[in-house]
Amino acid sequence: ILSRPELYRKWEEEVAGMRKRINAMQALFAVSLLSKSKERDFSFLKDRTGLFAYMGLSKEETDELIEKYSIYLPANGRINVSCLSEKNMDYVIDSIVKVCEASQ
């Protein structure tokens, strides 16, 4: 792929498209969470980029997200932004907010 100019260009376009989608989901995630969360400050997410976001959740909170809402993430609260979409964003945000408000 890297040695054939036409394939290389196509590869670059696909990588750029994936990066654009992940950045858009990261931004939507941060804005949505900030607007819905009244009990916890998630403003640190505004400036995040990349595939993962550390949420600052406790192990108990991540356990509750897994058990009650089927949102699977490691105990350190790191969420994989590439798993988010416009279809599931509200569900994920609302679940996080419920869990955080219940633990306050």
PDB file of N, CA and C in Angstrom:
ATOM      1  N   ILE A   1       0.824  -1.192   0.000  1.00  0.00           N
ATOM      2  CA  ILE A   1       0.000   0.000   0.000  1.00  0.00           C
ATOM      3  C   ILE A   1       0.869   1.257   0.000  1.00  0.00           C
ATOM      4  N   LEU A   2       1.884   1.270   0.822  1.00  0.00           N
ATOM      5  CA  LEU A   2       2.705   2.464   0.941  1.00  0.00           C
ATOM      6  C   LEU A   2       3.589   2.691  -0.284  1.00  0.00           C
ATOM      7  N   SER A   3       3.834   1.674  -1.051  1.00  0.00           N
ATOM      8  CA  SER A   3       4.707   1.812  -2.219  1.00  0.00           C
ATOM      9  C   SER A   3       3.931   2.150  -3.493  1.00  0.00           C
ATOM     10  N   ARG A   4       2.609   2.066  -3.466  1.00  0.00           N
ATOM     11  CA  ARG A   4       1.794   2.385  -4.646  1.00  0.00           C
ATOM     12  C   ARG A   4       1.048   3.690  -4.392  1.00  0.00           C
ATOM     13  N   PRO A   5       1.394   4.735  -5.150  1.00  0.00           N
ATOM     14  CA  PRO A   5       0.827   6.069  -4.878  1.00  0.00           C
ATOM     15  C   PRO A   5      -0.703   6.111  -4.787  1.00  0.00           C
ATOM     16  N   GLU A   6      -1.405   5.413  -5.654  1.00  0.00           N
ATOM     17  CA  GLU A   6      -2.870   5.470  -5.615  1.00  0.00           C
ATOM     18  C   GLU A   6      -3.420   4.801  -4.359  1.00  0.00           C
ATOM     19  N   LEU A   7      -2.806   3.714  -3.930  1.00  0.00           N
ATOM     20  CA  LEU A   7      -3.239   3.049  -2.701  1.00  0.00           C
ATOM     21  C   LEU A   7      -2.843   3.858  -1.468  1.00  0.00           C
ATOM     22  N   TYR A   8      -1.677   4.473  -1.526  1.00  0.00           N
ATOM     23  CA  TYR A   8      -1.225   5.301  -0.415  1.00  0.00           C
ATOM     24  C   TYR A   8      -2.180   6.473  -0.191  1.00  0.00           C
ATOM     25  N   ARG A   9      -2.602   7.144  -1.276  1.00  0.00           N
ATOM     26  CA  ARG A   9      -3.549   8.249  -1.159  1.00  0.00           C
ATOM     27  C   ARG A   9      -4.868   7.780  -0.559  1.00  0.00           C
ATOM     28  N   LYS A  10      -5.335   6.623  -1.015  1.00  0.00           N
ATOM     29  CA  LYS A  10      -6.587   6.083  -0.483  1.00  0.00           C
ATOM     30  C   LYS A  10      -6.444   5.776   1.006  1.00  0.00           C
ATOM     31  N   TRP A  11      -5.319   5.190   1.385  1.00  0.00           N
ATOM     32  CA  TRP A  11      -5.046   4.888   2.789  1.00  0.00           C
ATOM     33  C   TRP A  11      -5.023   6.169   3.621  1.00  0.00           C
ATOM     34  N   GLU A  12      -4.338   7.199   3.126  1.00  0.00           N
ATOM     35  CA  GLU A  12      -4.288   8.480   3.838  1.00  0.00           C
ATOM     36  C   GLU A  12      -5.680   9.071   4.027  1.00  0.00           C
ATOM     37  N   GLU A  13      -6.525   8.985   3.010  1.00  0.00           N
ATOM     38  CA  GLU A  13      -7.893   9.495   3.095  1.00  0.00           C
ATOM     39  C   GLU A  13      -8.693   8.726   4.145  1.00  0.00           C
ATOM     40  N   GLU A  14      -8.524   7.409   4.176  1.00  0.00           N
ATOM     41  CA  GLU A  14      -9.261   6.600   5.151  1.00  0.00           C
ATOM     42  C   GLU A  14      -8.804   6.897   6.574  1.00  0.00           C
ATOM     43  N   VAL A  15      -7.521   7.052   6.777  1.00  0.00           N
ATOM     44  CA  VAL A  15      -6.997   7.389   8.104  1.00  0.00           C
ATOM     45  C   VAL A  15      -7.487   8.768   8.530  1.00  0.00           C
ATOM     46  N   ALA A  16      -7.479   9.724   7.603  1.00  0.00           N
ATOM     47  CA  ALA A  16      -7.978  11.071   7.913  1.00  0.00           C
ATOM     48  C   ALA A  16      -9.464  11.023   8.271  1.00  0.00           C
ATOM     49  N   GLY A  17     -10.233  10.211   7.578  1.00  0.00           N
ATOM     50  CA  GLY A  17     -11.657  10.067   7.886  1.00  0.00           C
ATOM     51  C   GLY A  17     -11.883   9.478   9.268  1.00  0.00           C
ATOM     52  N   MET A  18     -11.085   8.479   9.634  1.00  0.00           N
ATOM     53  CA  MET A  18     -11.207   7.881  10.970  1.00  0.00           C
ATOM     54  C   MET A  18     -10.831   8.898  12.046  1.00  0.00           C
ATOM     55  N   ARG A  19      -9.769   9.639  11.810  1.00  0.00           N
ATOM     56  CA  ARG A  19      -9.330  10.657  12.777  1.00  0.00           C
ATOM     57  C   ARG A  19     -10.417  11.727  12.943  1.00  0.00           C
ATOM     58  N   LYS A  20     -11.017  12.149  11.839  1.00  0.00           N
ATOM     59  CA  LYS A  20     -12.072  13.158  11.892  1.00  0.00           C
ATOM     60  C   LYS A  20     -13.274  12.653  12.688  1.00  0.00           C
ATOM     61  N   ARG A  21     -13.672  11.407  12.470  1.00  0.00           N
ATOM     62  CA  ARG A  21     -14.805  10.828  13.185  1.00  0.00           C
ATOM     63  C   ARG A  21     -14.518  10.731  14.681  1.00  0.00           C
ATOM     64  N   ILE A  22     -13.338  10.239  15.039  1.00  0.00           N
ATOM     65  CA  ILE A  22     -12.979  10.098  16.456  1.00  0.00           C
ATOM     66  C   ILE A  22     -12.938  11.466  17.131  1.00  0.00           C
ATOM     67  N   ASN A  23     -12.361  12.461  16.470  1.00  0.00           N
ATOM     68  CA  ASN A  23     -12.328  13.808  17.051  1.00  0.00           C
ATOM     69  C   ASN A  23     -13.727  14.379  17.215  1.00  0.00           C
ATOM     70  N   ALA A  24     -14.604  14.115  16.252  1.00  0.00           N
ATOM     71  CA  ALA A  24     -15.988  14.589  16.350  1.00  0.00           C
ATOM     72  C   ALA A  24     -16.709  13.910  17.511  1.00  0.00           C
ATOM     73  N   MET A  25     -16.500  12.619  17.703  1.00  0.00           N
ATOM     74  CA  MET A  25     -17.139  11.902  18.815  1.00  0.00           C
ATOM     75  C   MET A  25     -16.572  12.379  20.149  1.00  0.00           C
ATOM     76  N   GLN A  26     -15.280  12.640  20.198  1.00  0.00           N
ATOM     77  CA  GLN A  26     -14.650  13.156  21.419  1.00  0.00           C
ATOM     78  C   GLN A  26     -15.258  14.518  21.786  1.00  0.00           C
ATOM     79  N   ALA A  27     -15.412  15.395  20.800  1.00  0.00           N
ATOM     80  CA  ALA A  27     -15.979  16.723  21.050  1.00  0.00           C
ATOM     81  C   ALA A  27     -17.446  16.618  21.469  1.00  0.00           C
ATOM     82  N   LEU A  28     -18.221  15.805  20.769  1.00  0.00           N
ATOM     83  CA  LEU A  28     -19.632  15.626  21.115  1.00  0.00           C
ATOM     84  C   LEU A  28     -19.786  15.020  22.508  1.00  0.00           C
ATOM     85  N   PHE A  29     -18.942  14.081  22.838  1.00  0.00           N
ATOM     86  CA  PHE A  29     -18.954  13.448  24.154  1.00  0.00           C
ATOM     87  C   PHE A  29     -18.703  14.493  25.238  1.00  0.00           C
ATOM     88  N   ALA A  30     -17.677  15.304  25.063  1.00  0.00           N
ATOM     89  CA  ALA A  30     -17.335  16.316  26.065  1.00  0.00           C
ATOM     90  C   ALA A  30     -18.448  17.345  26.216  1.00  0.00           C
ATOM     91  N   VAL A  31     -18.945  17.867  25.116  1.00  0.00           N
ATOM     92  CA  VAL A  31     -19.993  18.890  25.170  1.00  0.00           C
ATOM     93  C   VAL A  31     -21.263  18.321  25.799  1.00  0.00           C
ATOM     94  N   SER A  32     -21.644  17.131  25.389  1.00  0.00           N
ATOM     95  CA  SER A  32     -22.869  16.517  25.917  1.00  0.00           C
ATOM     96  C   SER A  32     -22.746  16.229  27.402  1.00  0.00           C
ATOM     97  N   LEU A  33     -21.614  15.685  27.810  1.00  0.00           N
ATOM     98  CA  LEU A  33     -21.425  15.359  29.226  1.00  0.00           C
ATOM     99  C   LEU A  33     -21.391  16.628  30.068  1.00  0.00           C
ATOM    100  N   LEU A  34     -20.730  17.655  29.574  1.00  0.00           N
ATOM    101  CA  LEU A  34     -20.679  18.923  30.307  1.00  0.00           C
ATOM    102  C   LEU A  34     -22.068  19.539  30.458  1.00  0.00           C
ATOM    103  N   SER A  35     -22.879  19.432  29.430  1.00  0.00           N
ATOM    104  CA  SER A  35     -24.205  20.053  29.497  1.00  0.00           C
ATOM    105  C   SER A  35     -25.177  19.283  30.386  1.00  0.00           C
ATOM    106  N   LYS A  36     -24.975  17.978  30.539  1.00  0.00           N
ATOM    107  CA  LYS A  36     -25.909  17.164  31.315  1.00  0.00           C
ATOM    108  C   LYS A  36     -25.475  16.932  32.758  1.00  0.00           C
ATOM    109  N   SER A  37     -24.198  17.014  33.028  1.00  0.00           N
ATOM    110  CA  SER A  37     -23.697  16.715  34.369  1.00  0.00           C
ATOM    111  C   SER A  37     -23.721  17.961  35.240  1.00  0.00           C
ATOM    112  N   LYS A  38     -24.458  17.873  36.325  1.00  0.00           N
ATOM    113  CA  LYS A  38     -24.550  19.000  37.261  1.00  0.00           C
ATOM    114  C   LYS A  38     -23.724  18.753  38.521  1.00  0.00           C
ATOM    115  N   GLU A  39     -23.449  17.495  38.812  1.00  0.00           N
ATOM    116  CA  GLU A  39     -22.781  17.125  40.061  1.00  0.00           C
ATOM    117  C   GLU A  39     -21.265  16.985  39.930  1.00  0.00           C
ATOM    118  N   ARG A  40     -20.783  16.727  38.732  1.00  0.00           N
ATOM    119  CA  ARG A  40     -19.357  16.467  38.565  1.00  0.00           C
ATOM    120  C   ARG A  40     -18.805  17.326  37.436  1.00  0.00           C
ATOM    121  N   ASP A  41     -17.597  17.802  37.642  1.00  0.00           N
ATOM    122  CA  ASP A  41     -16.949  18.650  36.644  1.00  0.00           C
ATOM    123  C   ASP A  41     -16.173  17.777  35.656  1.00  0.00           C
ATOM    124  N   PHE A  42     -16.656  17.744  34.434  1.00  0.00           N
ATOM    125  CA  PHE A  42     -15.978  17.014  33.369  1.00  0.00           C
ATOM    126  C   PHE A  42     -15.341  17.975  32.363  1.00  0.00           C
ATOM    127  N   SER A  43     -15.073  19.202  32.776  1.00  0.00           N
ATOM    128  CA  SER A  43     -14.542  20.201  31.848  1.00  0.00           C
ATOM    129  C   SER A  43     -13.180  19.806  31.277  1.00  0.00           C
ATOM    130  N   PHE A  44     -12.459  18.963  31.976  1.00  0.00           N
ATOM    131  CA  PHE A  44     -11.153  18.518  31.484  1.00  0.00           C
ATOM    132  C   PHE A  44     -11.266  17.754  30.164  1.00  0.00           C
ATOM    133  N   LEU A  45     -12.460  17.266  29.845  1.00  0.00           N
ATOM    134  CA  LEU A  45     -12.647  16.518  28.599  1.00  0.00           C
ATOM    135  C   LEU A  45     -12.688  17.421  27.371  1.00  0.00           C
ATOM    136  N   LYS A  46     -12.924  18.721  27.565  1.00  0.00           N
ATOM    137  CA  LYS A  46     -13.034  19.644  26.433  1.00  0.00           C
ATOM    138  C   LYS A  46     -11.790  19.643  25.560  1.00  0.00           C
ATOM    139  N   ASP A  47     -10.646  19.548  26.170  1.00  0.00           N
ATOM    140  CA  ASP A  47      -9.385  19.678  25.445  1.00  0.00           C
ATOM    141  C   ASP A  47      -8.769  18.342  25.074  1.00  0.00           C
ATOM    142  N   ARG A  48      -9.498  17.271  25.304  1.00  0.00           N
ATOM    143  CA  ARG A  48      -8.999  15.929  25.003  1.00  0.00           C
ATOM    144  C   ARG A  48      -9.072  15.651  23.509  1.00  0.00           C
ATOM    145  N   THR A  49      -8.098  14.920  23.035  1.00  0.00           N
ATOM    146  CA  THR A  49      -8.133  14.373  21.685  1.00  0.00           C
ATOM    147  C   THR A  49      -7.654  12.937  21.785  1.00  0.00           C
ATOM    148  N   GLY A  50      -7.910  12.182  20.772  1.00  0.00           N
ATOM    149  CA  GLY A  50      -7.411  10.825  20.745  1.00  0.00           C
ATOM    150  C   GLY A  50      -8.490   9.794  20.960  1.00  0.00           C
ATOM    151  N   LEU A  51      -8.054   8.567  20.980  1.00  0.00           N
ATOM    152  CA  LEU A  51      -8.932   7.413  20.996  1.00  0.00           C
ATOM    153  C   LEU A  51      -9.553   7.132  22.362  1.00  0.00           C
ATOM    154  N   PHE A  52      -8.887   7.527  23.432  1.00  0.00           N
ATOM    155  CA  PHE A  52      -9.358   7.208  24.777  1.00  0.00           C
ATOM    156  C   PHE A  52      -9.532   8.470  25.614  1.00  0.00           C
ATOM    157  N   ALA A  53     -10.441   8.384  26.571  1.00  0.00           N
ATOM    158  CA  ALA A  53     -10.650   9.473  27.524  1.00  0.00           C
ATOM    159  C   ALA A  53     -10.751   8.872  28.916  1.00  0.00           C
ATOM    160  N   TYR A  54      -9.918   9.349  29.816  1.00  0.00           N
ATOM    161  CA  TYR A  54     -10.023   8.938  31.220  1.00  0.00           C
ATOM    162  C   TYR A  54     -11.090   9.793  31.871  1.00  0.00           C
ATOM    163  N   MET A  55     -12.083   9.132  32.430  1.00  0.00           N
ATOM    164  CA  MET A  55     -13.259   9.817  32.948  1.00  0.00           C
ATOM    165  C   MET A  55     -13.121  10.256  34.406  1.00  0.00           C
ATOM    166  N   GLY A  56     -12.167   9.722  35.127  1.00  0.00           N
ATOM    167  CA  GLY A  56     -12.047  10.035  36.543  1.00  0.00           C
ATOM    168  C   GLY A  56     -13.104   9.342  37.383  1.00  0.00           C
ATOM    169  N   LEU A  57     -13.594   8.217  36.895  1.00  0.00           N
ATOM    170  CA  LEU A  57     -14.608   7.446  37.617  1.00  0.00           C
ATOM    171  C   LEU A  57     -13.953   6.492  38.591  1.00  0.00           C
ATOM    172  N   SER A  58     -14.636   6.197  39.665  1.00  0.00           N
ATOM    173  CA  SER A  58     -14.140   5.218  40.633  1.00  0.00           C
ATOM    174  C   SER A  58     -14.417   3.803  40.121  1.00  0.00           C
ATOM    175  N   LYS A  59     -13.807   2.834  40.751  1.00  0.00           N
ATOM    176  CA  LYS A  59     -14.064   1.445  40.392  1.00  0.00           C
ATOM    177  C   LYS A  59     -15.532   1.097  40.620  1.00  0.00           C
ATOM    178  N   GLU A  60     -16.096   1.604  41.696  1.00  0.00           N
ATOM    179  CA  GLU A  60     -17.507   1.353  41.994  1.00  0.00           C
ATOM    180  C   GLU A  60     -18.412   1.927  40.895  1.00  0.00           C
ATOM    181  N   GLU A  61     -18.061   3.098  40.416  1.00  0.00           N
ATOM    182  CA  GLU A  61     -18.854   3.711  39.343  1.00  0.00           C
ATOM    183  C   GLU A  61     -18.730   2.924  38.042  1.00  0.00           C
ATOM    184  N   THR A  62     -17.520   2.491  37.719  1.00  0.00           N
ATOM    185  CA  THR A  62     -17.363   1.686  36.499  1.00  0.00           C
ATOM    186  C   THR A  62     -18.086   0.346  36.638  1.00  0.00           C
ATOM    187  N   ASP A  63     -18.035  -0.238  37.830  1.00  0.00           N
ATOM    188  CA  ASP A  63     -18.770  -1.491  38.061  1.00  0.00           C
ATOM    189  C   ASP A  63     -20.271  -1.294  37.837  1.00  0.00           C
ATOM    190  N   GLU A  64     -20.791  -0.176  38.311  1.00  0.00           N
ATOM    191  CA  GLU A  64     -22.217   0.095  38.137  1.00  0.00           C
ATOM    192  C   GLU A  64     -22.571   0.317  36.666  1.00  0.00           C
ATOM    193  N   LEU A  65     -21.701   0.999  35.939  1.00  0.00           N
ATOM    194  CA  LEU A  65     -21.940   1.180  34.499  1.00  0.00           C
ATOM    195  C   LEU A  65     -21.986  -0.166  33.776  1.00  0.00           C
ATOM    196  N   ILE A  66     -21.126  -1.068  34.190  1.00  0.00           N
ATOM    197  CA  ILE A  66     -21.111  -2.400  33.582  1.00  0.00           C
ATOM    198  C   ILE A  66     -22.362  -3.181  33.969  1.00  0.00           C
ATOM    199  N   GLU A  67     -22.644  -3.248  35.270  1.00  0.00           N
ATOM    200  CA  GLU A  67     -23.730  -4.100  35.770  1.00  0.00           C
ATOM    201  C   GLU A  67     -25.122  -3.576  35.429  1.00  0.00           C
ATOM    202  N   LYS A  68     -25.342  -2.272  35.560  1.00  0.00           N
ATOM    203  CA  LYS A  68     -26.676  -1.711  35.360  1.00  0.00           C
ATOM    204  C   LYS A  68     -26.966  -1.297  33.922  1.00  0.00           C
ATOM    205  N   TYR A  69     -25.924  -0.824  33.236  1.00  0.00           N
ATOM    206  CA  TYR A  69     -26.144  -0.190  31.931  1.00  0.00           C
ATOM    207  C   TYR A  69     -25.431  -0.886  30.769  1.00  0.00           C
ATOM    208  N   SER A  70     -24.701  -1.946  31.060  1.00  0.00           N
ATOM    209  CA  SER A  70     -23.959  -2.691  30.027  1.00  0.00           C
ATOM    210  C   SER A  70     -23.002  -1.796  29.244  1.00  0.00           C
ATOM    211  N   ILE A  71     -22.390  -0.869  29.941  1.00  0.00           N
ATOM    212  CA  ILE A  71     -21.340  -0.042  29.356  1.00  0.00           C
ATOM    213  C   ILE A  71     -20.030  -0.575  29.916  1.00  0.00           C
ATOM    214  N   TYR A  72     -19.257  -1.191  29.069  1.00  0.00           N
ATOM    215  CA  TYR A  72     -18.066  -1.898  29.502  1.00  0.00           C
ATOM    216  C   TYR A  72     -16.827  -1.036  29.334  1.00  0.00           C
ATOM    217  N   LEU A  73     -16.118  -0.848  30.443  1.00  0.00           N
ATOM    218  CA  LEU A  73     -14.893  -0.087  30.455  1.00  0.00           C
ATOM    219  C   LEU A  73     -14.034  -0.602  31.605  1.00  0.00           C
ATOM    220  N   PRO A  74     -12.732  -0.382  31.538  1.00  0.00           N
ATOM    221  CA  PRO A  74     -11.880  -0.866  32.623  1.00  0.00           C
ATOM    222  C   PRO A  74     -12.128  -0.116  33.929  1.00  0.00           C
ATOM    223  N   ALA A  75     -11.661  -0.682  35.007  1.00  0.00           N
ATOM    224  CA  ALA A  75     -11.888  -0.124  36.345  1.00  0.00           C
ATOM    225  C   ALA A  75     -11.327   1.286  36.495  1.00  0.00           C
ATOM    226  N   ASN A  76     -10.367   1.670  35.658  1.00  0.00           N
ATOM    227  CA  ASN A  76      -9.794   3.018  35.765  1.00  0.00           C
ATOM    228  C   ASN A  76     -10.656   4.074  35.077  1.00  0.00           C
ATOM    229  N   GLY A  77     -11.779   3.678  34.481  1.00  0.00           N
ATOM    230  CA  GLY A  77     -12.710   4.626  33.897  1.00  0.00           C
ATOM    231  C   GLY A  77     -12.326   5.145  32.526  1.00  0.00           C
ATOM    232  N   ARG A  78     -11.433   4.461  31.861  1.00  0.00           N
ATOM    233  CA  ARG A  78     -11.021   4.889  30.516  1.00  0.00           C
ATOM    234  C   ARG A  78     -12.060   4.432  29.494  1.00  0.00           C
ATOM    235  N   ILE A  79     -12.594   5.367  28.726  1.00  0.00           N
ATOM    236  CA  ILE A  79     -13.595   5.024  27.725  1.00  0.00           C
ATOM    237  C   ILE A  79     -12.967   5.104  26.332  1.00  0.00           C
ATOM    238  N   ASN A  80     -13.332   4.155  25.490  1.00  0.00           N
ATOM    239  CA  ASN A  80     -12.846   4.125  24.117  1.00  0.00           C
ATOM    240  C   ASN A  80     -13.799   4.960  23.266  1.00  0.00           C
ATOM    241  N   VAL A  81     -13.348   6.109  22.841  1.00  0.00           N
ATOM    242  CA  VAL A  81     -14.182   7.056  22.117  1.00  0.00           C
ATOM    243  C   VAL A  81     -14.627   6.501  20.769  1.00  0.00           C
ATOM    244  N   SER A  82     -13.857   5.608  20.193  1.00  0.00           N
ATOM    245  CA  SER A  82     -14.241   5.058  18.890  1.00  0.00           C
ATOM    246  C   SER A  82     -15.499   4.192  18.979  1.00  0.00           C
ATOM    247  N   CYS A  83     -15.871   3.792  20.183  1.00  0.00           N
ATOM    248  CA  CYS A  83     -17.097   3.001  20.377  1.00  0.00           C
ATOM    249  C   CYS A  83     -18.337   3.885  20.473  1.00  0.00           C
ATOM    250  N   LEU A  84     -18.143   5.175  20.560  1.00  0.00           N
ATOM    251  CA  LEU A  84     -19.273   6.095  20.661  1.00  0.00           C
ATOM    252  C   LEU A  84     -19.768   6.470  19.267  1.00  0.00           C
ATOM    253  N   SER A  85     -21.070   6.684  19.183  1.00  0.00           N
ATOM    254  CA  SER A  85     -21.679   7.137  17.937  1.00  0.00           C
ATOM    255  C   SER A  85     -22.831   8.068  18.289  1.00  0.00           C
ATOM    256  N   GLU A  86     -23.363   8.733  17.297  1.00  0.00           N
ATOM    257  CA  GLU A  86     -24.514   9.602  17.555  1.00  0.00           C
ATOM    258  C   GLU A  86     -25.702   8.783  18.043  1.00  0.00           C
ATOM    259  N   LYS A  87     -25.770   7.513  17.664  1.00  0.00           N
ATOM    260  CA  LYS A  87     -26.874   6.650  18.082  1.00  0.00           C
ATOM    261  C   LYS A  87     -26.811   6.284  19.559  1.00  0.00           C
ATOM    262  N   ASN A  88     -25.608   6.035  20.087  1.00  0.00           N
ATOM    263  CA  ASN A  88     -25.509   5.588  21.478  1.00  0.00           C
ATOM    264  C   ASN A  88     -25.031   6.669  22.445  1.00  0.00           C
ATOM    265  N   MET A  89     -24.732   7.858  21.930  1.00  0.00           N
ATOM    266  CA  MET A  89     -24.150   8.917  22.760  1.00  0.00           C
ATOM    267  C   MET A  89     -25.057   9.291  23.934  1.00  0.00           C
ATOM    268  N   ASP A  90     -26.333   9.544  23.689  1.00  0.00           N
ATOM    269  CA  ASP A  90     -27.234   9.948  24.774  1.00  0.00           C
ATOM    270  C   ASP A  90     -27.333   8.877  25.848  1.00  0.00           C
ATOM    271  N   TYR A  91     -27.413   7.625  25.443  1.00  0.00           N
ATOM    272  CA  TYR A  91     -27.504   6.525  26.415  1.00  0.00           C
ATOM    273  C   TYR A  91     -26.258   6.485  27.291  1.00  0.00           C
ATOM    274  N   VAL A  92     -25.086   6.585  26.679  1.00  0.00           N
ATOM    275  CA  VAL A  92     -23.829   6.534  27.439  1.00  0.00           C
ATOM    276  C   VAL A  92     -23.735   7.730  28.382  1.00  0.00           C
ATOM    277  N   ILE A  93     -23.999   8.919  27.877  1.00  0.00           N
ATOM    278  CA  ILE A  93     -23.923  10.133  28.703  1.00  0.00           C
ATOM    279  C   ILE A  93     -24.915  10.065  29.861  1.00  0.00           C
ATOM    280  N   ASP A  94     -26.175   9.729  29.554  1.00  0.00           N
ATOM    281  CA  ASP A  94     -27.197   9.659  30.604  1.00  0.00           C
ATOM    282  C   ASP A  94     -26.838   8.630  31.667  1.00  0.00           C
ATOM    283  N   SER A  95     -26.264   7.511  31.260  1.00  0.00           N
ATOM    284  CA  SER A  95     -25.854   6.475  32.213  1.00  0.00           C
ATOM    285  C   SER A  95     -24.727   6.964  33.108  1.00  0.00           C
ATOM    286  N   ILE A  96     -23.744   7.614  32.528  1.00  0.00           N
ATOM    287  CA  ILE A  96     -22.623   8.148  33.303  1.00  0.00           C
ATOM    288  C   ILE A  96     -23.140   9.174  34.307  1.00  0.00           C
ATOM    289  N   VAL A  97     -24.003  10.061  33.863  1.00  0.00           N
ATOM    290  CA  VAL A  97     -24.547  11.105  34.749  1.00  0.00           C
ATOM    291  C   VAL A  97     -25.326  10.461  35.908  1.00  0.00           C
ATOM    292  N   LYS A  98     -26.151   9.482  35.621  1.00  0.00           N
ATOM    293  CA  LYS A  98     -26.916   8.808  36.683  1.00  0.00           C
ATOM    294  C   LYS A  98     -25.993   8.183  37.716  1.00  0.00           C
ATOM    295  N   VAL A  99     -24.972   7.500  37.240  1.00  0.00           N
ATOM    296  CA  VAL A  99     -24.034   6.829  38.150  1.00  0.00           C
ATOM    297  C   VAL A  99     -23.271   7.868  38.981  1.00  0.00           C
ATOM    298  N   CYS A 100     -22.827   8.933  38.364  1.00  0.00           N
ATOM    299  CA  CYS A 100     -22.081   9.963  39.096  1.00  0.00           C
ATOM    300  C   CYS A 100     -22.948  10.687  40.110  1.00  0.00           C
ATOM    301  N   GLU A 101     -24.188  10.977  39.747  1.00  0.00           N
ATOM    302  CA  GLU A 101     -25.082  11.677  40.673  1.00  0.00           C
ATOM    303  C   GLU A 101     -25.456  10.778  41.846  1.00  0.00           C
ATOM    304  N   ALA A 102     -25.594   9.492  41.588  1.00  0.00           N
ATOM    305  CA  ALA A 102     -25.949   8.549  42.666  1.00  0.00           C
ATOM    306  C   ALA A 102     -24.790   8.395  43.662  1.00  0.00           C
ATOM    307  N   SER A 103     -23.568   8.590  43.207  1.00  0.00           N
ATOM    308  CA  SER A 103     -22.424   8.375  44.102  1.00  0.00           C
ATOM    309  C   SER A 103     -22.033   9.650  44.863  1.00  0.00           C
ATOM    310  N   GLN A 104     -22.672  10.771  44.570  1.00  0.00           N
ATOM    311  CA  GLN A 104     -22.339  12.032  45.252  1.00  0.00           C
ATOM    312  C   GLN A 104     -22.914  12.082  46.639  1.00  0.00           C
TER     313      GLN A 104
END
